[in-house]
Each structure stands twice: as structure tokens, then as C-alpha cells.
Amino acid sequence: MPKKRAAFAVTLCAALGLLAAAPGSAEAAGTVTSHHDPHQLKPKTQHAAPAVITGAMSNHGGPVQSAPQIYVDYWGWGADPSGEQAYLNRFLSSIGGNPWLATVNQYGGGSSPVLAGTWSDPAAIPASPSDAQIQAEAGAAALHFATGNSVNVEIVVATPTGHSTPGFGTQYCAYHGAIAGLPNVTYTDLPYMSDAGSNCGAGSVTGSALDGVSIVEGHEMAETITDPLLNAWYDAGNNEIGDKCAWTGLGTVTTSAGTFAMQPLWSNSANNCVMSAPNMLTAGSFEQNTTGWQRLVPPGGIVNWANYNTAAGAPAPAHDGTGYLAFNTNIGGGSVYQDIPVNVGAGASYTASVWLSSQSGGASGSFCLWGLGATNTNTCVPYNVNSSSGYQYFQISYTAPQPVSTLRFQVYPAVNGGTTDMDTAGVVRIG
């Protein structure tokens, strides 16, 4: 089977006309420098005292993924005792546009929705596939998905429990590189992460065996976006955006599909590891501060609001810190908002997120992100929350169809629809 797969990969390359280096590839550029291929994430046990690796990354001349497309190949899966397939699908289908991934934007990488497709390949998988066999399977997936030769394509070869490449859990947790013979298409070898236990992150944040799945795949995804051909963004020690923060500052990231264990990413602009791109909103956590926030009160109406401090007594809890903003209205169009000067052209993309609850009973309304100065450029989602369920997460994305001068983050509570509690609000640029 392995020999057939290797031969098939060569046939694939010839069929797609991909054996010659394409413009923008490492082979064609001539002015780029590259580092070790493939590039591995070492197990947690090889970081006895995990620490941030300081020093800026620089671009060594290679391309980045400006519009990443991730295709997951579940090769030969049968049993899935930890539920990794469903977890990985939820993660990849919702992490695009999230403030965590927006950190790659400063390097020219894209962070819009990234999952382009999944495939359950029924072909038999060796007990311990070699890297050459992983690459051949990635080539088969490229043919299945008809990806072409774009540098934006990443094939994640996810192997089932008990079928990892030699060295998994002791020498590496996952790795990424370029497919041999497909000079622009990248691949990630993603073993069944919970097989390695705590060595590859199981139980390291939430106590779940699945923690390592999102930590490790998030690491590989961000590195593939910013250094797909291993000749773009890395530091003087060959450390990529994920390596510099590996196994340090672990936390959680919430998306529309749930909460996932994650590691931070290196930000040149912050000169540190960060869990999110810079928030464009002022006072988004309302820590006894409403700077930048305003009320829109139509004639004859009322918009009540209060900035509560739970440390001094408040009718409900905060989502983070001790402050939150509560508001309600008795008139249609009444709202709370903040304007952000941007002056951008068509195509600029942003993500807005917020946690909403109600201090008693329920509350409903709409959460919006507007591009002022252009027509029909609002994106809104409804919300319906209640005090018994606590804070709920809402996220929306907006792409300017024409030049806009100002973004408006706005929440419209329903008329006499209860008091909305708002906390942890943010806006980040994603493209």
C-alpha cells in the first residue's frame, strides 16, 4: 500500500502539472532562505520549564497564506474513543475570524474562516506510517479536493488512534511542511493527540483529554499561515509564531462552537506572546470605565445604562474582572454603541465579539457591526439571554463592500425587553 500511495502522489503531481516550481514557491523565488523541513512542535516534556522565546520574527522572503484553506483528511479512521474528529471539526470550523487567530494578520496572513473541507478516506493506514506515507496521503487528499497548487492550501492528515508516525509523543506532537512534488501545497501530520496523554497537552487547561487537539492544531495552523514553505516568518533561532510561545501561558479561547484550550502566539507588535490581536474598542471590559461608549436615544425615548462594579456590590456578576455595563430601553432604535475611526478601503474585514447576559429574567435584542459612510454595510445577529444561563458569547464578522471611515459596534436591546448585561466586548481586524 505505501508504494502504491507514493507512486500515486507522483501521478497526481504530473496530472495537475505541478512538478515544476511555481512562482512564489521556495524553488522559484531565489532570494528566500528556509529552515528545517518538516517543522516540529516538541512535546511538553521537552520543555521542562516552558518560557517565552524573545526576539522579533522576520520575513525571510517566502510567501504567507493570505487566504488559508484547511482541508482535513481523516485517513483510515475507525474507533474514535476521545471524540477527536468532532472536536477538531468544531474547532477548525469556528476559529476563523476569531481574535486569537487575528494575530497572524500583522505578518500578512489571513484569518477569515479557514476550514474548506473534510474527507474520511477509507483506505487502510499502516500501523505506523512514515513521513513519506503521510505526504503521499496528503497528495491523495489534494487530488480528492482538487486543490490545485495554491500556497493557501493546507492538508491536515489526521491519523486515527494507534496509527501515529514514529516519534509521536516523545520527539514531536505534530509537524508541518511542504508536500514533496507539490511545491506550494503544505501538509500537517496530526496524530491522535490523546494517545500521547499529557506529553502533547491532554488535560493541560480544562482537564479534558481533548485539550491537546486544539493546542497543537492551533499551533500548527498559525505557523502554516505565517511560514507555509518554511521560508517566511521565523526568528534568528528558526522559531516560528507558535514555537516562541509553546506550552507557555496556556488558556482558553471561545468561538461560536465552544471553548477550546489554546496557547498564545508571538506578536511582533506587542513584543510578546498574546492570546488575541489588539482590541480596537476602548474600555471593552467596563472596569469602572465607559470611555468611548455612547447611548443612541431617539426622540421621546429613554436608554438607561449603568456601569456596575461587582467589588462594590452589583445586581449580577461580571464576565471578566469586576465591571460590566447594563442597559435597557423603552423605544425602538435605542442602543449603546462605540465608533472606531478606520478609514479603510473595500475588502477590509473585522470581527466583533461580546458576552451578553441579563441581571434578572431574560433580555433580547440585536448585536451589530456597521461600516459608516457606506450603504447596506451592517452585520447583525439577534440575541436572547437569561440570568439563569449566565453570559453567552456572540461573534459577527464584517467586510467593507466599499470605503468606510468609521466602524460602529452597536447593541440594540429590545423595547421593554429586559436589562442586557454586556462585558468583554472586542473588535479586531482580520483582513
Protein backbone atom coordinates (compact mmCIF):
# COMPACT_ATOMS: atom_id res chain seq x y z
CA MET A 1 0.00 0.00 0.00
CA PRO A 2 2.69 2.59 0.84
CA LYS A 3 4.44 2.05 -2.52
CA LYS A 4 1.16 2.49 -4.35
CA ARG A 5 0.48 5.68 -2.45
CA ALA A 6 3.93 7.08 -3.23
CA ALA A 7 3.50 6.28 -6.91
CA PHE A 8 0.02 7.79 -6.82
CA ALA A 9 1.42 11.05 -5.42
CA VAL A 10 3.84 11.35 -8.34
CA THR A 11 1.00 10.60 -10.76
CA LEU A 12 -1.06 13.29 -9.03
CA CYS A 13 1.68 15.86 -9.50
CA ALA A 14 2.03 15.07 -13.17
CA ALA A 15 -1.73 15.11 -13.67
CA LEU A 16 -2.02 18.56 -12.16
CA GLY A 17 1.09 19.86 -13.89
CA LEU A 18 2.70 20.63 -10.55
CA LEU A 19 6.17 19.10 -10.79
CA ALA A 20 7.75 22.39 -11.83
CA ALA A 21 8.17 25.02 -9.17
CA ALA A 22 5.50 27.67 -9.34
CA PRO A 23 6.06 31.41 -8.92
CA GLY A 24 6.17 32.27 -5.25
CA SER A 25 7.46 28.85 -4.19
CA ALA A 26 10.74 28.34 -2.39
CA GLU A 27 12.28 26.87 -5.51
CA ALA A 28 11.24 29.73 -7.76
CA ALA A 29 11.91 32.71 -5.53
CA GLY A 30 15.71 32.50 -5.47
CA THR A 31 16.03 35.14 -2.74
CA VAL A 32 14.50 33.26 0.15
CA THR A 33 16.10 31.33 2.97
CA SER A 34 14.44 28.34 4.59
CA HIS A 35 14.84 26.31 7.75
CA HIS A 36 14.21 22.70 8.74
CA ASP A 37 11.55 20.77 6.80
CA PRO A 38 9.28 19.48 8.27
CA HIS A 39 8.96 21.76 11.27
CA GLN A 40 8.00 20.05 14.54
CA LEU A 41 6.22 21.01 17.75
CA LYS A 42 8.17 19.32 20.53
CA PRO A 43 6.27 17.54 23.33
CA LYS A 44 5.58 19.32 26.58
CA THR A 45 8.09 17.04 28.33
CA GLN A 46 10.88 18.53 26.21
CA HIS A 47 10.07 21.94 27.70
CA ALA A 48 10.92 21.24 31.34
CA ALA A 49 10.47 24.91 32.19
CA PRO A 50 8.47 26.43 29.29
CA ALA A 51 9.42 30.04 28.66
CA VAL A 52 8.70 32.66 26.04
CA ILE A 53 11.44 32.86 23.40
CA THR A 54 12.04 36.58 23.00
CA GLY A 55 13.17 38.44 19.90
CA ALA A 56 11.27 39.54 16.82
CA MET A 57 10.47 37.33 13.87
CA SER A 58 11.48 38.50 10.41
CA ASN A 59 10.34 37.60 6.91
CA HIS A 60 12.96 35.60 5.05
CA GLY A 61 11.43 36.24 1.64
CA GLY A 62 8.87 33.48 1.30
CA PRO A 63 5.09 33.71 0.86
CA VAL A 64 2.41 33.59 3.55
CA GLN A 65 -1.14 32.29 3.37
CA SER A 66 -3.27 35.38 2.79
CA ALA A 67 -6.46 33.32 2.42
CA PRO A 68 -5.80 29.99 4.18
CA GLN A 69 -7.86 26.95 3.20
CA ILE A 70 -7.59 23.93 5.50
CA TYR A 71 -8.67 20.50 4.30
CA VAL A 72 -8.74 17.68 6.85
CA ASP A 73 -8.10 14.11 5.70
CA TYR A 74 -9.24 11.56 8.30
CA TRP A 75 -7.17 8.68 6.99
CA GLY A 76 -8.42 5.18 7.83
CA TRP A 77 -10.42 6.18 10.90
CA GLY A 78 -12.50 3.63 12.77
CA ALA A 79 -12.74 3.93 16.53
CA ASP A 80 -12.55 7.45 17.99
CA PRO A 81 -12.53 6.88 21.76
CA SER A 82 -11.81 10.50 22.71
CA GLY A 83 -14.14 12.11 20.17
CA GLU A 84 -11.31 13.95 18.45
CA GLN A 85 -12.90 14.15 14.99
CA ALA A 86 -15.98 16.07 16.12
CA TYR A 87 -13.86 18.30 18.38
CA LEU A 88 -11.39 19.13 15.59
CA ASN A 89 -14.20 19.89 13.15
CA ARG A 90 -15.84 22.25 15.65
CA PHE A 91 -12.55 23.98 16.30
CA LEU A 92 -11.50 24.50 12.69
CA SER A 93 -14.99 25.49 11.55
CA SER A 94 -15.17 28.31 14.10
CA ILE A 95 -11.63 29.62 14.75
CA GLY A 96 -11.52 31.65 11.52
CA GLY A 97 -12.22 35.29 12.27
CA ASN A 98 -11.57 34.80 15.97
CA PRO A 99 -9.39 37.42 17.73
CA TRP A 100 -6.92 34.66 18.65
CA LEU A 101 -6.09 33.90 15.02
CA ALA A 102 -6.09 37.58 14.04
CA THR A 103 -2.56 37.82 15.47
CA VAL A 104 -1.32 36.42 12.14
CA ASN A 105 -2.60 39.50 10.28
CA GLN A 106 0.45 41.59 11.21
CA TYR A 107 2.57 39.18 9.16
CA GLY A 108 0.30 39.33 6.12
CA GLY A 109 -1.53 36.12 6.96
CA GLY A 110 -5.28 35.74 6.63
CA SER A 111 -7.56 34.74 9.49
CA SER A 112 -11.00 34.56 7.92
CA PRO A 113 -12.92 31.24 8.04
CA VAL A 114 -10.33 28.56 7.36
CA LEU A 115 -11.99 25.12 7.15
CA ALA A 116 -12.56 24.33 3.47
CA GLY A 117 -13.47 20.65 3.66
CA THR A 118 -13.13 17.27 5.36
CA TRP A 119 -12.70 13.77 3.93
CA SER A 120 -12.87 10.37 5.58
CA ASP A 121 -10.52 8.32 3.40
CA PRO A 122 -11.39 4.63 3.91
CA ALA A 123 -8.00 3.47 2.59
CA ALA A 124 -6.07 1.26 5.01
CA ILE A 125 -3.45 3.08 7.06
CA PRO A 126 -0.16 1.45 8.14
CA ALA A 127 0.31 0.77 11.84
CA SER A 128 2.97 3.49 11.97
CA PRO A 129 3.04 5.50 8.73
CA SER A 130 6.28 7.18 7.69
CA ASP A 131 6.52 10.83 6.76
CA ALA A 132 6.72 9.81 3.09
CA GLN A 133 3.43 7.93 3.50
CA ILE A 134 1.85 10.92 5.26
CA GLN A 135 2.92 13.13 2.35
CA ALA A 136 1.57 10.65 -0.18
CA GLU A 137 -1.76 10.63 1.64
CA ALA A 138 -1.74 14.43 1.65
CA GLY A 139 -1.24 14.26 -2.11
CA ALA A 140 -4.22 11.93 -2.40
CA ALA A 141 -6.28 14.42 -0.42
CA ALA A 142 -5.14 17.27 -2.67
CA LEU A 143 -6.44 15.31 -5.66
CA HIS A 144 -9.68 14.44 -3.86
CA PHE A 145 -10.33 18.09 -3.02
CA ALA A 146 -8.96 19.37 -6.38
CA THR A 147 -6.96 21.98 -4.52
CA GLY A 148 -4.56 22.94 -7.30
CA ASN A 149 -1.16 24.34 -6.37
CA SER A 150 -2.04 27.35 -4.23
CA VAL A 151 0.19 28.25 -1.31
CA ASN A 152 -3.02 28.94 0.62
CA VAL A 153 -3.82 25.21 0.78
CA GLU A 154 -3.04 23.19 3.91
CA ILE A 155 -3.81 19.47 4.05
CA VAL A 156 -4.14 18.17 7.61
CA VAL A 157 -3.59 14.42 7.62
CA ALA A 158 -5.30 13.33 10.85
CA THR A 159 -4.35 9.78 11.76
CA PRO A 160 -6.54 7.56 13.98
CA THR A 161 -5.78 6.20 17.42
CA GLY A 162 -2.92 3.73 17.41
CA HIS A 163 -1.57 4.78 13.99
CA SER A 164 0.89 7.60 14.58
CA THR A 165 4.15 8.36 12.80
CA PRO A 166 7.26 7.14 14.71
CA GLY A 167 8.35 9.58 17.42
CA PHE A 168 4.89 10.89 18.25
CA GLY A 169 4.61 11.88 21.90
CA THR A 170 8.34 11.57 22.58
CA GLN A 171 10.00 13.57 19.80
CA TYR A 172 7.12 15.65 18.47
CA CYS A 173 3.37 16.26 18.82
CA ALA A 174 2.74 17.36 15.23
CA TYR A 175 4.64 18.93 12.36
CA HIS A 176 4.12 20.81 9.12
CA GLY A 177 5.95 21.19 5.83
CA ALA A 178 5.51 21.24 2.06
CA ILE A 179 4.38 18.17 0.12
CA ALA A 180 7.20 16.68 -1.94
CA GLY A 181 6.41 17.28 -5.61
CA LEU A 182 3.67 19.81 -4.79
CA PRO A 183 5.94 22.78 -4.14
CA ASN A 184 3.30 25.17 -2.84
CA VAL A 185 0.88 22.86 -1.02
CA THR A 186 1.52 22.36 2.69
CA TYR A 187 0.64 19.46 4.95
CA THR A 188 0.36 18.82 8.67
CA ASP A 189 0.87 15.44 10.30
CA LEU A 190 -1.69 15.49 13.13
CA PRO A 191 -1.69 12.23 15.12
CA TYR A 192 -4.44 11.14 17.51
CA MET A 193 -3.40 13.61 20.19
CA SER A 194 -4.89 11.96 23.27
CA ASP A 195 -2.76 8.85 22.58
CA ALA A 196 0.22 10.86 23.89
CA GLY A 197 -1.57 11.99 27.04
CA SER A 198 -0.13 14.99 28.87
CA ASN A 199 3.04 14.91 26.72
CA CYS A 200 1.01 16.60 23.98
CA GLY A 201 -1.35 18.67 26.10
CA ALA A 202 -4.11 16.37 27.32
CA GLY A 203 -5.64 17.80 30.49
CA SER A 204 -3.35 20.82 30.48
CA VAL A 205 -6.02 23.55 30.57
CA THR A 206 -9.57 22.31 31.13
CA GLY A 207 -8.75 18.81 32.34
CA SER A 208 -10.10 17.29 29.11
CA ALA A 209 -8.21 14.69 27.10
CA LEU A 210 -9.03 16.88 24.08
CA ASP A 211 -7.07 19.93 25.25
CA GLY A 212 -4.05 18.92 23.20
CA VAL A 213 -6.04 18.69 19.96
CA SER A 214 -6.78 22.42 19.79
CA ILE A 215 -3.49 23.50 21.38
CA VAL A 216 -1.42 21.53 18.87
CA GLU A 217 -3.53 22.09 15.75
CA GLY A 218 -3.82 25.79 16.60
CA HIS A 219 -0.02 25.94 16.87
CA GLU A 220 0.46 24.20 13.51
CA MET A 221 -2.24 26.23 11.77
CA ALA A 222 -0.79 29.61 12.81
CA GLU A 223 2.70 28.50 11.79
CA THR A 224 1.50 27.22 8.42
CA ILE A 225 -0.27 30.52 7.73
CA THR A 226 2.80 32.62 8.52
CA ASP A 227 5.52 30.23 7.31
CA PRO A 228 3.93 27.75 4.88
CA LEU A 229 7.05 26.84 2.90
CA LEU A 230 9.42 27.32 5.85
CA ASN A 231 10.97 30.39 4.25
CA ALA A 232 8.83 33.26 5.56
CA TRP A 233 8.34 34.34 9.19
CA TYR A 234 10.64 32.96 11.90
CA ASP A 235 13.29 34.32 14.28
CA ALA A 236 17.08 34.05 14.43
CA GLY A 237 16.76 30.66 16.14
CA ASN A 238 14.35 29.27 13.49
CA ASN A 239 11.40 29.62 15.89
CA GLU A 240 8.02 30.27 14.30
CA ILE A 241 4.97 32.13 15.66
CA GLY A 242 3.87 29.14 17.75
CA ASP A 243 7.30 27.89 18.85
CA LYS A 244 8.11 31.14 20.63
CA CYS A 245 5.16 30.62 22.97
CA ALA A 246 4.93 26.81 23.05
CA TRP A 247 3.44 25.38 26.26
CA THR A 248 3.50 28.81 27.95
CA GLY A 249 0.52 30.90 29.05
CA LEU A 250 -2.00 28.23 28.10
CA GLY A 251 -5.61 29.33 28.35
CA THR A 252 -8.96 29.09 26.60
CA VAL A 253 -10.41 30.71 23.51
CA THR A 254 -14.15 30.87 22.94
CA THR A 255 -15.66 30.65 19.47
CA SER A 256 -19.20 30.24 18.19
CA ALA A 257 -18.72 26.46 18.53
CA GLY A 258 -17.49 26.33 22.11
CA THR A 259 -14.45 26.91 24.31
CA PHE A 260 -11.08 25.43 23.35
CA ALA A 261 -7.73 25.04 25.08
CA MET A 262 -5.12 27.15 23.29
CA GLN A 263 -1.59 28.52 23.50
CA PRO A 264 -0.71 32.16 22.81
CA LEU A 265 1.02 33.31 19.61
CA TRP A 266 4.02 35.57 19.17
CA SER A 267 3.20 39.18 18.27
CA ASN A 268 5.98 41.37 16.91
CA SER A 269 3.84 44.44 17.54
CA ALA A 270 3.37 43.54 21.23
CA ASN A 271 6.88 42.06 21.52
CA ASN A 272 5.35 39.22 23.49
CA CYS A 273 3.05 36.22 23.37
CA VAL A 274 -0.63 37.15 23.13
CA MET A 275 -3.96 35.33 23.18
CA SER A 276 -5.65 37.91 20.96
CA ALA A 277 -4.95 40.61 18.43
CA PRO A 278 -5.23 44.18 19.83
CA ASN A 279 -8.78 45.19 20.73
CA MET A 280 -9.90 48.23 18.74
CA LEU A 281 -12.57 49.10 21.31
CA THR A 282 -11.89 51.33 24.29
CA ALA A 283 -12.96 50.05 27.71
CA GLY A 284 -14.36 46.80 26.33
CA SER A 285 -14.31 45.21 29.79
CA PHE A 286 -16.03 48.14 31.53
CA GLU A 287 -13.68 48.16 34.51
CA GLN A 288 -15.30 51.23 36.04
CA ASN A 289 -14.77 52.91 32.72
CA THR A 290 -17.14 53.69 29.83
CA THR A 291 -14.73 55.83 27.79
CA GLY A 292 -15.75 55.81 24.14
CA TRP A 293 -19.23 54.38 24.76
CA GLN A 294 -22.37 56.36 23.92
CA ARG A 295 -26.14 55.98 24.01
CA LEU A 296 -28.34 56.48 20.97
CA VAL A 297 -31.66 57.84 22.30
CA PRO A 298 -34.41 58.51 19.72
CA PRO A 299 -36.69 61.49 20.50
CA GLY A 300 -39.20 60.76 23.26
CA GLY A 301 -37.39 57.66 24.43
CA ILE A 302 -35.09 56.58 27.24
CA VAL A 303 -31.97 54.41 27.26
CA ASN A 304 -30.97 53.55 30.80
CA TRP A 305 -27.43 52.35 31.48
CA ALA A 306 -25.19 51.68 34.46
CA ASN A 307 -21.54 50.67 34.78
CA TYR A 308 -21.54 48.22 37.69
CA ASN A 309 -18.61 47.23 39.89
CA THR A 310 -19.13 43.82 41.48
CA ALA A 311 -16.47 44.59 44.10
CA ALA A 312 -18.70 47.38 45.40
CA GLY A 313 -21.96 45.48 45.02
CA ALA A 314 -23.88 44.77 41.82
CA PRO A 315 -27.13 43.01 40.87
CA ALA A 316 -25.30 40.46 38.68
CA PRO A 317 -21.79 39.10 38.10
CA ALA A 318 -19.25 40.35 35.56
CA HIS A 319 -17.88 38.09 32.86
CA ASP A 320 -14.30 39.21 33.41
CA GLY A 321 -12.81 41.46 36.07
CA THR A 322 -15.31 43.32 38.23
CA GLY A 323 -17.04 45.66 35.77
CA TYR A 324 -19.88 45.28 33.28
CA LEU A 325 -22.39 47.54 31.52
CA ALA A 326 -26.16 47.08 31.99
CA PHE A 327 -28.75 48.82 29.80
CA ASN A 328 -32.35 48.77 28.59
CA THR A 329 -34.68 50.95 26.55
CA ASN A 330 -38.33 51.81 26.05
CA ILE A 331 -38.07 52.88 22.41
CA GLY A 332 -37.20 51.28 19.09
CA GLY A 333 -33.72 52.24 17.91
CA GLY A 334 -32.47 52.90 21.42
CA SER A 335 -29.00 51.44 21.74
CA VAL A 336 -25.48 51.51 23.16
CA TYR A 337 -22.55 51.93 20.76
CA GLN A 338 -18.93 52.87 20.19
CA ASP A 339 -17.47 54.36 17.00
CA ILE A 340 -13.99 53.39 15.78
CA PRO A 341 -12.19 55.55 13.18
CA VAL A 342 -10.74 53.29 10.47
CA ASN A 343 -10.65 54.99 7.02
CA VAL A 344 -10.27 51.76 5.06
CA GLY A 345 -11.00 50.66 1.54
CA ALA A 346 -13.31 47.98 0.24
CA GLY A 347 -12.42 44.49 1.41
CA ALA A 348 -11.22 45.36 4.90
CA SER A 349 -12.55 42.72 7.31
CA TYR A 350 -13.26 42.78 11.02
CA THR A 351 -14.64 40.54 13.74
CA ALA A 352 -16.66 41.80 16.69
CA SER A 353 -17.39 39.72 19.77
CA VAL A 354 -19.18 40.21 23.06
CA TRP A 355 -20.51 38.34 26.09
CA LEU A 356 -24.14 39.11 26.98
CA SER A 357 -26.40 38.15 29.87
CA SER A 358 -29.30 39.55 31.87
CA GLN A 359 -29.22 40.59 35.51
CA SER A 360 -32.69 39.18 36.13
CA GLY A 361 -35.05 37.20 33.94
CA GLY A 362 -34.33 37.46 30.23
CA ALA A 363 -33.19 40.02 27.70
CA SER A 364 -33.14 40.12 23.91
CA GLY A 365 -32.11 42.36 21.06
CA SER A 366 -29.57 42.65 18.25
CA PHE A 367 -25.78 42.91 18.18
CA CYS A 368 -24.35 44.74 15.15
CA LEU A 369 -21.17 45.90 13.47
CA TRP A 370 -21.61 48.73 10.97
CA GLY A 371 -19.44 50.41 8.37
CA LEU A 372 -20.46 54.06 8.43
CA GLY A 373 -20.12 56.05 5.24
CA ALA A 374 -21.24 53.15 3.05
CA THR A 375 -24.68 51.79 2.19
CA ASN A 376 -26.09 48.48 3.37
CA THR A 377 -22.98 47.64 5.34
CA ASN A 378 -24.30 46.34 8.64
CA THR A 379 -23.95 42.84 10.02
CA CYS A 380 -26.29 41.97 12.89
CA VAL A 381 -27.17 38.89 14.89
CA PRO A 382 -30.08 38.51 17.32
CA TYR A 383 -29.52 37.59 20.95
CA ASN A 384 -31.77 36.11 23.60
CA VAL A 385 -30.16 35.61 27.00
CA ASN A 386 -31.26 35.00 30.57
CA SER A 387 -29.76 35.26 34.03
CA SER A 388 -30.02 31.54 34.77
CA SER A 389 -27.71 30.64 31.86
CA GLY A 390 -25.10 33.30 32.59
CA TYR A 391 -23.07 35.06 29.94
CA GLN A 392 -23.31 33.84 26.35
CA TYR A 393 -20.81 34.52 23.56
CA PHE A 394 -21.74 36.27 20.30
CA GLN A 395 -19.48 36.93 17.32
CA ILE A 396 -20.02 38.58 13.95
CA SER A 397 -17.76 39.36 11.01
CA TYR A 398 -17.98 42.31 8.66
CA THR A 399 -16.27 43.05 5.33
CA ALA A 400 -16.48 46.56 3.90
CA PRO A 401 -18.06 46.50 0.41
CA GLN A 402 -16.71 49.98 -0.27
CA PRO A 403 -14.53 52.52 1.58
CA VAL A 404 -15.70 53.30 5.11
CA SER A 405 -14.45 55.91 7.55
CA THR A 406 -15.87 54.54 10.79
CA LEU A 407 -16.86 51.22 12.30
CA ARG A 408 -19.73 51.16 14.77
CA PHE A 409 -20.09 48.42 17.40
CA GLN A 410 -23.73 48.61 18.49
CA VAL A 411 -26.17 46.68 20.68
CA TYR A 412 -29.92 47.27 20.36
CA PRO A 413 -31.86 45.93 23.35
CA ALA A 414 -35.47 45.00 22.59
CA VAL A 415 -38.07 47.56 23.61
CA ASN A 416 -39.05 46.81 27.20
CA GLY A 417 -37.27 43.51 26.67
CA GLY A 418 -35.35 43.26 29.91
CA THR A 419 -31.96 44.55 31.03
CA THR A 420 -28.96 43.42 28.99
CA ASP A 421 -25.61 42.94 30.73
CA MET A 422 -22.57 43.38 28.46
CA ASP A 423 -18.92 42.53 29.10
CA THR A 424 -15.69 41.53 27.32
CA ALA A 425 -16.51 43.37 24.09
CA GLY A 426 -13.97 43.50 21.29
CA VAL A 427 -13.28 44.32 17.66
CA VAL A 428 -10.22 43.13 15.74
CA ARG A 429 -9.19 43.47 12.13
CA ILE A 430 -8.89 40.12 10.37
CA GLY A 431 -8.07 41.13 6.80
